[in-house]
Amino acid sequence: MVKIRQVEQRVAQIDHKHLTKQQQDTLLTIKSFLSKAKEAVSLKDVPRAVNLAEKAQTLVGELPNVSEPKK
């Protein structure tokens, strides 16, 4: 699913070494949403997968060193 891959790419751009505790917690939440989204895809529950990926996408924008993807 494209949206999941986009968020994963954005997570890969984050400098994990300089995150605050709160930002680390946010990153864990993002990873949880991505995992659940992938599970939903495997169960063919596309609406749930999209919803979870969108939540992860919203949160990833709150972390440093992440810019909006170019369209």
PDB file of N, CA and C in Angstrom:
ATOM      1  N   MET A   1       0.849  -1.180   0.000  1.00  0.00           N
ATOM      2  CA  MET A   1       0.000   0.000   0.000  1.00  0.00           C
ATOM      3  C   MET A   1       0.893   1.240   0.000  1.00  0.00           C
ATOM      4  N   VAL A   2       0.591   2.150  -0.878  1.00  0.00           N
ATOM      5  CA  VAL A   2       1.444   3.316  -1.109  1.00  0.00           C
ATOM      6  C   VAL A   2       1.588   4.177   0.140  1.00  0.00           C
ATOM      7  N   LYS A   3       0.501   4.467   0.804  1.00  0.00           N
ATOM      8  CA  LYS A   3       0.542   5.361   1.963  1.00  0.00           C
ATOM      9  C   LYS A   3       1.431   4.787   3.070  1.00  0.00           C
ATOM     10  N   ILE A   4       1.380   3.497   3.280  1.00  0.00           N
ATOM     11  CA  ILE A   4       2.218   2.857   4.298  1.00  0.00           C
ATOM     12  C   ILE A   4       3.689   3.027   3.924  1.00  0.00           C
ATOM     13  N   ARG A   5       4.015   2.775   2.661  1.00  0.00           N
ATOM     14  CA  ARG A   5       5.410   2.919   2.211  1.00  0.00           C
ATOM     15  C   ARG A   5       5.890   4.355   2.365  1.00  0.00           C
ATOM     16  N   GLN A   6       5.033   5.320   2.074  1.00  0.00           N
ATOM     17  CA  GLN A   6       5.408   6.726   2.208  1.00  0.00           C
ATOM     18  C   GLN A   6       5.763   7.053   3.659  1.00  0.00           C
ATOM     19  N   VAL A   7       4.944   6.589   4.584  1.00  0.00           N
ATOM     20  CA  VAL A   7       5.207   6.869   5.998  1.00  0.00           C
ATOM     21  C   VAL A   7       6.488   6.159   6.435  1.00  0.00           C
ATOM     22  N   GLU A   8       6.690   4.936   5.984  1.00  0.00           N
ATOM     23  CA  GLU A   8       7.914   4.209   6.336  1.00  0.00           C
ATOM     24  C   GLU A   8       9.148   4.956   5.825  1.00  0.00           C
ATOM     25  N   GLN A   9       9.066   5.514   4.632  1.00  0.00           N
ATOM     26  CA  GLN A   9      10.183   6.279   4.085  1.00  0.00           C
ATOM     27  C   GLN A   9      10.446   7.528   4.919  1.00  0.00           C
ATOM     28  N   ARG A  10       9.391   8.167   5.344  1.00  0.00           N
ATOM     29  CA  ARG A  10       9.537   9.377   6.160  1.00  0.00           C
ATOM     30  C   ARG A  10      10.119   9.039   7.526  1.00  0.00           C
ATOM     31  N   VAL A  11       9.707   7.912   8.102  1.00  0.00           N
ATOM     32  CA  VAL A  11      10.263   7.473   9.387  1.00  0.00           C
ATOM     33  C   VAL A  11      11.761   7.215   9.237  1.00  0.00           C
ATOM     34  N   ALA A  12      12.162   6.668   8.114  1.00  0.00           N
ATOM     35  CA  ALA A  12      13.578   6.375   7.868  1.00  0.00           C
ATOM     36  C   ALA A  12      14.422   7.652   7.811  1.00  0.00           C
ATOM     37  N   GLN A  13      13.814   8.789   7.541  1.00  0.00           N
ATOM     38  CA  GLN A  13      14.531  10.066   7.453  1.00  0.00           C
ATOM     39  C   GLN A  13      14.758  10.711   8.819  1.00  0.00           C
ATOM     40  N   ILE A  14      14.128  10.198   9.833  1.00  0.00           N
ATOM     41  CA  ILE A  14      14.185  10.813  11.160  1.00  0.00           C
ATOM     42  C   ILE A  14      15.513  10.484  11.836  1.00  0.00           C
ATOM     43  N   ASP A  15      16.111  11.486  12.449  1.00  0.00           N
ATOM     44  CA  ASP A  15      17.338  11.297  13.215  1.00  0.00           C
ATOM     45  C   ASP A  15      16.931  10.791  14.610  1.00  0.00           C
ATOM     46  N   HIS A  16      16.945   9.486  14.776  1.00  0.00           N
ATOM     47  CA  HIS A  16      16.467   8.851  16.006  1.00  0.00           C
ATOM     48  C   HIS A  16      17.300   9.233  17.233  1.00  0.00           C
ATOM     49  N   LYS A  17      18.539   9.602  17.021  1.00  0.00           N
ATOM     50  CA  LYS A  17      19.447   9.891  18.141  1.00  0.00           C
ATOM     51  C   LYS A  17      19.094  11.172  18.882  1.00  0.00           C
ATOM     52  N   HIS A  18      18.410  12.077  18.227  1.00  0.00           N
ATOM     53  CA  HIS A  18      18.145  13.380  18.829  1.00  0.00           C
ATOM     54  C   HIS A  18      16.680  13.593  19.197  1.00  0.00           C
ATOM     55  N   LEU A  19      15.954  12.519  19.386  1.00  0.00           N
ATOM     56  CA  LEU A  19      14.543  12.639  19.752  1.00  0.00           C
ATOM     57  C   LEU A  19      14.397  12.770  21.259  1.00  0.00           C
ATOM     58  N   THR A  20      13.444  13.591  21.665  1.00  0.00           N
ATOM     59  CA  THR A  20      13.099  13.673  23.085  1.00  0.00           C
ATOM     60  C   THR A  20      12.320  12.412  23.462  1.00  0.00           C
ATOM     61  N   LYS A  21      12.091  12.223  24.729  1.00  0.00           N
ATOM     62  CA  LYS A  21      11.312  11.063  25.199  1.00  0.00           C
ATOM     63  C   LYS A  21       9.916  11.077  24.569  1.00  0.00           C
ATOM     64  N   GLN A  22       9.296  12.237  24.524  1.00  0.00           N
ATOM     65  CA  GLN A  22       7.956  12.352  23.939  1.00  0.00           C
ATOM     66  C   GLN A  22       7.990  12.001  22.452  1.00  0.00           C
ATOM     67  N   GLN A  23       9.017  12.463  21.757  1.00  0.00           N
ATOM     68  CA  GLN A  23       9.137  12.157  20.332  1.00  0.00           C
ATOM     69  C   GLN A  23       9.399  10.661  20.116  1.00  0.00           C
ATOM     70  N   GLN A  24      10.164  10.047  21.005  1.00  0.00           N
ATOM     71  CA  GLN A  24      10.400   8.606  20.918  1.00  0.00           C
ATOM     72  C   GLN A  24       9.087   7.844  21.104  1.00  0.00           C
ATOM     73  N   ASP A  25       8.272   8.314  22.035  1.00  0.00           N
ATOM     74  CA  ASP A  25       6.963   7.692  22.253  1.00  0.00           C
ATOM     75  C   ASP A  25       6.081   7.847  21.011  1.00  0.00           C
ATOM     76  N   THR A  26       6.130   9.014  20.399  1.00  0.00           N
ATOM     77  CA  THR A  26       5.365   9.247  19.173  1.00  0.00           C
ATOM     78  C   THR A  26       5.835   8.300  18.071  1.00  0.00           C
ATOM     79  N   LEU A  27       7.147   8.111  17.967  1.00  0.00           N
ATOM     80  CA  LEU A  27       7.699   7.209  16.964  1.00  0.00           C
ATOM     81  C   LEU A  27       7.214   5.773  17.202  1.00  0.00           C
ATOM     82  N   LEU A  28       7.166   5.360  18.451  1.00  0.00           N
ATOM     83  CA  LEU A  28       6.655   4.016  18.767  1.00  0.00           C
ATOM     84  C   LEU A  28       5.188   3.884  18.366  1.00  0.00           C
ATOM     85  N   THR A  29       4.415   4.929  18.581  1.00  0.00           N
ATOM     86  CA  THR A  29       3.006   4.922  18.191  1.00  0.00           C
ATOM     87  C   THR A  29       2.880   4.820  16.673  1.00  0.00           C
ATOM     88  N   ILE A  30       3.709   5.567  15.971  1.00  0.00           N
ATOM     89  CA  ILE A  30       3.703   5.518  14.500  1.00  0.00           C
ATOM     90  C   ILE A  30       3.992   4.103  14.025  1.00  0.00           C
ATOM     91  N   LYS A  31       5.022   3.493  14.591  1.00  0.00           N
ATOM     92  CA  LYS A  31       5.393   2.133  14.197  1.00  0.00           C
ATOM     93  C   LYS A  31       4.274   1.145  14.507  1.00  0.00           C
ATOM     94  N   SER A  32       3.577   1.360  15.601  1.00  0.00           N
ATOM     95  CA  SER A  32       2.440   0.507  15.952  1.00  0.00           C
ATOM     96  C   SER A  32       1.320   0.655  14.926  1.00  0.00           C
ATOM     97  N   PHE A  33       1.012   1.906  14.560  1.00  0.00           N
ATOM     98  CA  PHE A  33      -0.014   2.146  13.539  1.00  0.00           C
ATOM     99  C   PHE A  33       0.367   1.477  12.224  1.00  0.00           C
ATOM    100  N   LEU A  34       1.648   1.574  11.843  1.00  0.00           N
ATOM    101  CA  LEU A  34       2.099   0.965  10.592  1.00  0.00           C
ATOM    102  C   LEU A  34       1.961  -0.554  10.639  1.00  0.00           C
ATOM    103  N   SER A  35       2.322  -1.136  11.761  1.00  0.00           N
ATOM    104  CA  SER A  35       2.207  -2.587  11.914  1.00  0.00           C
ATOM    105  C   SER A  35       0.753  -3.033  11.799  1.00  0.00           C
ATOM    106  N   LYS A  36      -0.124  -2.301  12.468  1.00  0.00           N
ATOM    107  CA  LYS A  36      -1.551  -2.630  12.417  1.00  0.00           C
ATOM    108  C   LYS A  36      -2.123  -2.399  11.014  1.00  0.00           C
ATOM    109  N   ALA A  37      -1.614  -1.375  10.329  1.00  0.00           N
ATOM    110  CA  ALA A  37      -2.076  -1.107   8.959  1.00  0.00           C
ATOM    111  C   ALA A  37      -1.675  -2.251   8.039  1.00  0.00           C
ATOM    112  N   LYS A  38      -0.466  -2.747   8.190  1.00  0.00           N
ATOM    113  CA  LYS A  38      -0.018  -3.879   7.372  1.00  0.00           C
ATOM    114  C   LYS A  38      -0.848  -5.125   7.666  1.00  0.00           C
ATOM    115  N   GLU A  39      -1.168  -5.319   8.924  1.00  0.00           N
ATOM    116  CA  GLU A  39      -2.016  -6.449   9.305  1.00  0.00           C
ATOM    117  C   GLU A  39      -3.392  -6.313   8.654  1.00  0.00           C
ATOM    118  N   ALA A  40      -3.935  -5.108   8.676  1.00  0.00           N
ATOM    119  CA  ALA A  40      -5.244  -4.865   8.057  1.00  0.00           C
ATOM    120  C   ALA A  40      -5.195  -5.136   6.553  1.00  0.00           C
ATOM    121  N   VAL A  41      -4.100  -4.754   5.908  1.00  0.00           N
ATOM    122  CA  VAL A  41      -3.947  -5.029   4.471  1.00  0.00           C
ATOM    123  C   VAL A  41      -3.966  -6.535   4.235  1.00  0.00           C
ATOM    124  N   SER A  42      -3.235  -7.264   5.077  1.00  0.00           N
ATOM    125  CA  SER A  42      -3.192  -8.723   4.898  1.00  0.00           C
ATOM    126  C   SER A  42      -4.561  -9.361   5.098  1.00  0.00           C
ATOM    127  N   LEU A  43      -5.404  -8.710   5.884  1.00  0.00           N
ATOM    128  CA  LEU A  43      -6.766  -9.200   6.115  1.00  0.00           C
ATOM    129  C   LEU A  43      -7.761  -8.609   5.114  1.00  0.00           C
ATOM    130  N   LYS A  44      -7.219  -7.852   4.146  1.00  0.00           N
ATOM    131  CA  LYS A  44      -8.019  -7.207   3.101  1.00  0.00           C
ATOM    132  C   LYS A  44      -9.018  -6.184   3.670  1.00  0.00           C
ATOM    133  N   ASP A  45      -8.655  -5.601   4.807  1.00  0.00           N
ATOM    134  CA  ASP A  45      -9.468  -4.557   5.437  1.00  0.00           C
ATOM    135  C   ASP A  45      -8.863  -3.204   5.046  1.00  0.00           C
ATOM    136  N   VAL A  46      -9.092  -2.820   3.800  1.00  0.00           N
ATOM    137  CA  VAL A  46      -8.475  -1.617   3.247  1.00  0.00           C
ATOM    138  C   VAL A  46      -8.891  -0.338   3.985  1.00  0.00           C
ATOM    139  N   PRO A  47     -10.162  -0.145   4.310  1.00  0.00           N
ATOM    140  CA  PRO A  47     -10.525   1.092   5.023  1.00  0.00           C
ATOM    141  C   PRO A  47      -9.769   1.244   6.351  1.00  0.00           C
ATOM    142  N   ARG A  48      -9.633   0.160   7.079  1.00  0.00           N
ATOM    143  CA  ARG A  48      -8.902   0.205   8.357  1.00  0.00           C
ATOM    144  C   ARG A  48      -7.427   0.490   8.103  1.00  0.00           C
ATOM    145  N   ALA A  49      -6.854  -0.128   7.084  1.00  0.00           N
ATOM    146  CA  ALA A  49      -5.448   0.092   6.753  1.00  0.00           C
ATOM    147  C   ALA A  49      -5.195   1.556   6.398  1.00  0.00           C
ATOM    148  N   VAL A  50      -6.069   2.125   5.607  1.00  0.00           N
ATOM    149  CA  VAL A  50      -5.934   3.530   5.213  1.00  0.00           C
ATOM    150  C   VAL A  50      -6.046   4.428   6.438  1.00  0.00           C
ATOM    151  N   ASN A  51      -7.011   4.164   7.285  1.00  0.00           N
ATOM    152  CA  ASN A  51      -7.207   4.958   8.493  1.00  0.00           C
ATOM    153  C   ASN A  51      -5.959   4.935   9.370  1.00  0.00           C
ATOM    154  N   LEU A  52      -5.399   3.755   9.593  1.00  0.00           N
ATOM    155  CA  LEU A  52      -4.210   3.628  10.429  1.00  0.00           C
ATOM    156  C   LEU A  52      -3.001   4.306   9.787  1.00  0.00           C
ATOM    157  N   ALA A  53      -2.850   4.151   8.485  1.00  0.00           N
ATOM    158  CA  ALA A  53      -1.738   4.790   7.782  1.00  0.00           C
ATOM    159  C   ALA A  53      -1.854   6.310   7.843  1.00  0.00           C
ATOM    160  N   GLU A  54      -3.073   6.825   7.747  1.00  0.00           N
ATOM    161  CA  GLU A  54      -3.282   8.271   7.844  1.00  0.00           C
ATOM    162  C   GLU A  54      -2.952   8.786   9.237  1.00  0.00           C
ATOM    163  N   LYS A  55      -3.296   8.020  10.257  1.00  0.00           N
ATOM    164  CA  LYS A  55      -2.938   8.412  11.627  1.00  0.00           C
ATOM    165  C   LYS A  55      -1.419   8.460  11.782  1.00  0.00           C
ATOM    166  N   ALA A  56      -0.735   7.449  11.247  1.00  0.00           N
ATOM    167  CA  ALA A  56       0.725   7.422  11.311  1.00  0.00           C
ATOM    168  C   ALA A  56       1.317   8.610  10.551  1.00  0.00           C
ATOM    169  N   GLN A  57       0.728   8.919   9.402  1.00  0.00           N
ATOM    170  CA  GLN A  57       1.207  10.034   8.585  1.00  0.00           C
ATOM    171  C   GLN A  57       1.060  11.361   9.322  1.00  0.00           C
ATOM    172  N   THR A  58      -0.031  11.535  10.016  1.00  0.00           N
ATOM    173  CA  THR A  58      -0.250  12.759  10.788  1.00  0.00           C
ATOM    174  C   THR A  58       0.800  12.898  11.878  1.00  0.00           C
ATOM    175  N   LEU A  59       1.056  11.816  12.583  1.00  0.00           N
ATOM    176  CA  LEU A  59       2.024  11.858  13.674  1.00  0.00           C
ATOM    177  C   LEU A  59       3.450  12.066  13.181  1.00  0.00           C
ATOM    178  N   VAL A  60       3.797  11.471  12.063  1.00  0.00           N
ATOM    179  CA  VAL A  60       5.173  11.589  11.573  1.00  0.00           C
ATOM    180  C   VAL A  60       5.502  13.042  11.224  1.00  0.00           C
ATOM    181  N   GLY A  61       4.504  13.812  10.877  1.00  0.00           N
ATOM    182  CA  GLY A  61       4.718  15.227  10.588  1.00  0.00           C
ATOM    183  C   GLY A  61       5.103  16.039  11.811  1.00  0.00           C
ATOM    184  N   GLU A  62       4.883  15.484  12.996  1.00  0.00           N
ATOM    185  CA  GLU A  62       5.213  16.176  14.237  1.00  0.00           C
ATOM    186  C   GLU A  62       6.661  15.956  14.659  1.00  0.00           C
ATOM    187  N   LEU A  63       7.356  15.051  13.983  1.00  0.00           N
ATOM    188  CA  LEU A  63       8.727  14.737  14.359  1.00  0.00           C
ATOM    189  C   LEU A  63       9.724  15.561  13.559  1.00  0.00           C
ATOM    190  N   PRO A  64      10.918  15.804  14.107  1.00  0.00           N
ATOM    191  CA  PRO A  64      11.914  16.623  13.417  1.00  0.00           C
ATOM    192  C   PRO A  64      12.534  15.907  12.220  1.00  0.00           C
ATOM    193  N   ASN A  65      13.130  16.687  11.348  1.00  0.00           N
ATOM    194  CA  ASN A  65      13.851  16.171  10.177  1.00  0.00           C
ATOM    195  C   ASN A  65      12.955  15.443   9.194  1.00  0.00           C
ATOM    196  N   VAL A  66      11.702  15.814   9.161  1.00  0.00           N
ATOM    197  CA  VAL A  66      10.775  15.193   8.237  1.00  0.00           C
ATOM    198  C   VAL A  66      10.080  16.307   7.457  1.00  0.00           C
ATOM    199  N   SER A  67      10.199  16.259   6.160  1.00  0.00           N
ATOM    200  CA  SER A  67       9.518  17.240   5.330  1.00  0.00           C
ATOM    201  C   SER A  67       8.393  16.565   4.580  1.00  0.00           C
ATOM    202  N   GLU A  68       7.454  17.343   4.155  1.00  0.00           N
ATOM    203  CA  GLU A  68       6.331  16.791   3.397  1.00  0.00           C
ATOM    204  C   GLU A  68       6.845  16.183   2.102  1.00  0.00           C
ATOM    205  N   PRO A  69       6.308  15.035   1.720  1.00  0.00           N
ATOM    206  CA  PRO A  69       6.749  14.433   0.460  1.00  0.00           C
ATOM    207  C   PRO A  69       6.344  15.295  -0.727  1.00  0.00           C
ATOM    208  N   LYS A  70       7.187  15.335  -1.731  1.00  0.00           N
ATOM    209  CA  LYS A  70       6.877  16.103  -2.939  1.00  0.00           C
ATOM    210  C   LYS A  70       5.893  15.337  -3.788  1.00  0.00           C
ATOM    211  N   LYS A  71       4.925  16.060  -4.324  1.00  0.00           N
ATOM    212  CA  LYS A  71       3.894  15.413  -5.125  1.00  0.00           C
ATOM    213  C   LYS A  71       4.121  15.659  -6.586  1.00  0.00           C
TER     214      LYS A  71
END
